[in-house]
Amino acid sequence: MTIVVLLGVLLLVIAGCVCVVWAARGGPRWVRVVATATIAAGELVSRSDKRRHQGDVQE
């Protein structure tokens, strides 16, 4: 079951990346919406990762 979930997440990530590239080349509106959502999700993950690593730093 875990493999199926991970494969589903992988397919969503790949589809999001394809939409980002397609939107950069002037794709239809729905592609631009998916690309915007993909970029926003990437920003959220990046910010949460930075916050988590800031807590690890000890002086």
N, C-alpha and C. Protein backbone atom coordinates (compact mmCIF):
# COMPACT_ATOMS: atom_id res chain seq x y z
N MET A 1 0.83 -1.20 0.00
CA MET A 1 0.00 0.00 0.00
C MET A 1 0.87 1.26 0.00
N THR A 2 1.95 1.22 0.77
CA THR A 2 2.86 2.37 0.84
C THR A 2 3.47 2.66 -0.53
N ILE A 3 3.79 1.62 -1.26
CA ILE A 3 4.37 1.79 -2.59
C ILE A 3 3.39 2.52 -3.50
N VAL A 4 2.13 2.17 -3.42
CA VAL A 4 1.11 2.79 -4.26
C VAL A 4 0.99 4.28 -3.95
N VAL A 5 1.01 4.62 -2.67
CA VAL A 5 0.92 6.03 -2.26
C VAL A 5 2.15 6.80 -2.75
N LEU A 6 3.33 6.21 -2.57
CA LEU A 6 4.55 6.87 -3.02
C LEU A 6 4.59 7.04 -4.53
N LEU A 7 4.12 6.05 -5.26
CA LEU A 7 4.04 6.18 -6.71
C LEU A 7 3.06 7.27 -7.12
N GLY A 8 1.95 7.38 -6.41
CA GLY A 8 0.98 8.43 -6.69
C GLY A 8 1.57 9.81 -6.45
N VAL A 9 2.30 9.97 -5.36
CA VAL A 9 2.95 11.25 -5.07
C VAL A 9 4.00 11.55 -6.14
N LEU A 10 4.77 10.56 -6.53
CA LEU A 10 5.77 10.75 -7.57
C LEU A 10 5.14 11.17 -8.89
N LEU A 11 4.04 10.56 -9.25
CA LEU A 11 3.35 10.94 -10.48
C LEU A 11 2.82 12.38 -10.42
N LEU A 12 2.31 12.78 -9.25
CA LEU A 12 1.85 14.16 -9.09
C LEU A 12 3.00 15.15 -9.22
N VAL A 13 4.14 14.82 -8.65
CA VAL A 13 5.30 15.70 -8.74
C VAL A 13 5.77 15.82 -10.20
N ILE A 14 5.85 14.71 -10.88
CA ILE A 14 6.27 14.73 -12.29
C ILE A 14 5.29 15.53 -13.13
N ALA A 15 3.99 15.31 -12.92
CA ALA A 15 2.98 16.06 -13.67
C ALA A 15 3.07 17.55 -13.38
N GLY A 16 3.34 17.92 -12.13
CA GLY A 16 3.50 19.33 -11.77
C GLY A 16 4.68 19.94 -12.47
N CYS A 17 5.79 19.22 -12.52
CA CYS A 17 6.98 19.73 -13.21
C CYS A 17 6.74 19.90 -14.71
N VAL A 18 6.04 18.96 -15.29
CA VAL A 18 5.69 19.07 -16.71
C VAL A 18 4.82 20.30 -16.94
N CYS A 19 3.89 20.55 -16.05
CA CYS A 19 3.02 21.72 -16.20
C CYS A 19 3.80 23.02 -16.05
N VAL A 20 4.80 23.05 -15.17
CA VAL A 20 5.62 24.25 -15.01
C VAL A 20 6.36 24.56 -16.31
N VAL A 21 6.94 23.54 -16.91
CA VAL A 21 7.67 23.73 -18.17
C VAL A 21 6.71 24.14 -19.29
N TRP A 22 5.56 23.47 -19.35
CA TRP A 22 4.58 23.76 -20.39
C TRP A 22 4.03 25.19 -20.23
N ALA A 23 3.78 25.60 -19.00
CA ALA A 23 3.27 26.95 -18.74
C ALA A 23 4.29 28.00 -19.13
N ALA A 24 5.57 27.70 -18.94
CA ALA A 24 6.63 28.65 -19.32
C ALA A 24 6.64 28.85 -20.84
N ARG A 25 6.16 27.87 -21.56
CA ARG A 25 6.12 27.97 -23.02
C ARG A 25 4.76 28.44 -23.53
N GLY A 26 3.88 28.85 -22.60
CA GLY A 26 2.59 29.42 -23.00
C GLY A 26 1.48 28.42 -23.14
N GLY A 27 1.36 27.51 -22.22
CA GLY A 27 0.31 26.50 -22.27
C GLY A 27 -1.06 27.08 -21.95
N PRO A 28 -2.08 26.23 -21.98
CA PRO A 28 -3.43 26.69 -21.68
C PRO A 28 -3.58 27.14 -20.22
N ARG A 29 -4.71 27.73 -19.92
CA ARG A 29 -4.93 28.32 -18.60
C ARG A 29 -4.82 27.28 -17.48
N TRP A 30 -5.40 26.08 -17.67
CA TRP A 30 -5.37 25.09 -16.59
C TRP A 30 -3.94 24.66 -16.28
N VAL A 31 -3.07 24.68 -17.29
CA VAL A 31 -1.67 24.33 -17.07
C VAL A 31 -0.98 25.40 -16.23
N ARG A 32 -1.31 26.66 -16.50
CA ARG A 32 -0.73 27.75 -15.72
C ARG A 32 -1.21 27.70 -14.27
N VAL A 33 -2.45 27.30 -14.06
CA VAL A 33 -2.98 27.17 -12.69
C VAL A 33 -2.25 26.05 -11.95
N VAL A 34 -2.09 24.91 -12.59
CA VAL A 34 -1.38 23.79 -11.97
C VAL A 34 0.08 24.15 -11.71
N ALA A 35 0.70 24.86 -12.65
CA ALA A 35 2.09 25.28 -12.47
C ALA A 35 2.22 26.22 -11.29
N THR A 36 1.29 27.15 -11.14
CA THR A 36 1.32 28.07 -10.01
C THR A 36 1.17 27.32 -8.69
N ALA A 37 0.27 26.35 -8.65
CA ALA A 37 0.09 25.55 -7.44
C ALA A 37 1.34 24.72 -7.13
N THR A 38 1.98 24.21 -8.16
CA THR A 38 3.19 23.41 -7.96
C THR A 38 4.31 24.28 -7.40
N ILE A 39 4.48 25.46 -7.96
CA ILE A 39 5.53 26.37 -7.48
C ILE A 39 5.24 26.80 -6.04
N ALA A 40 3.98 27.08 -5.73
CA ALA A 40 3.61 27.48 -4.37
C ALA A 40 3.88 26.34 -3.38
N ALA A 41 3.56 25.12 -3.76
CA ALA A 41 3.82 23.97 -2.89
C ALA A 41 5.32 23.80 -2.67
N GLY A 42 6.11 24.00 -3.70
CA GLY A 42 7.56 23.92 -3.56
C GLY A 42 8.11 24.97 -2.62
N GLU A 43 7.55 26.18 -2.70
CA GLU A 43 7.97 27.25 -1.80
C GLU A 43 7.63 26.91 -0.34
N LEU A 44 6.45 26.35 -0.13
CA LEU A 44 6.06 25.96 1.23
C LEU A 44 6.99 24.89 1.80
N VAL A 45 7.32 23.92 1.00
CA VAL A 45 8.22 22.85 1.45
C VAL A 45 9.60 23.43 1.75
N SER A 46 10.06 24.32 0.90
CA SER A 46 11.37 24.92 1.10
C SER A 46 11.41 25.75 2.38
N ARG A 47 10.38 26.52 2.63
CA ARG A 47 10.33 27.35 3.83
C ARG A 47 10.26 26.50 5.09
N SER A 48 9.47 25.44 5.06
CA SER A 48 9.36 24.59 6.25
C SER A 48 10.68 23.87 6.52
N ASP A 49 11.40 23.52 5.47
CA ASP A 49 12.69 22.86 5.62
C ASP A 49 13.70 23.83 6.23
N LYS A 50 13.68 25.08 5.81
CA LYS A 50 14.59 26.08 6.37
C LYS A 50 14.29 26.31 7.84
N ARG A 51 13.02 26.39 8.20
CA ARG A 51 12.64 26.60 9.60
C ARG A 51 13.09 25.42 10.47
N ARG A 52 12.94 24.23 9.94
CA ARG A 52 13.32 23.04 10.70
C ARG A 52 14.82 23.02 10.95
N HIS A 53 15.61 23.40 9.94
CA HIS A 53 17.06 23.39 10.08
C HIS A 53 17.56 24.54 10.95
N GLN A 54 16.84 25.64 11.04
CA GLN A 54 17.24 26.73 11.91
C GLN A 54 17.16 26.31 13.37
N GLY A 55 16.23 25.45 13.71
CA GLY A 55 16.10 24.96 15.06
C GLY A 55 17.21 23.99 15.45
N ASP A 56 17.88 23.39 14.45
CA ASP A 56 18.95 22.45 14.72
C ASP A 56 20.25 23.12 15.11
N VAL A 57 20.43 24.38 14.77
CA VAL A 57 21.68 25.09 15.02
C VAL A 57 21.79 25.42 16.50
N GLN A 58 22.89 24.97 17.12
CA GLN A 58 23.12 25.25 18.52
C GLN A 58 24.49 25.91 18.67
N GLU A 59 24.54 26.92 19.54
CA GLU A 59 25.81 27.61 19.75
C GLU A 59 26.42 27.22 21.06
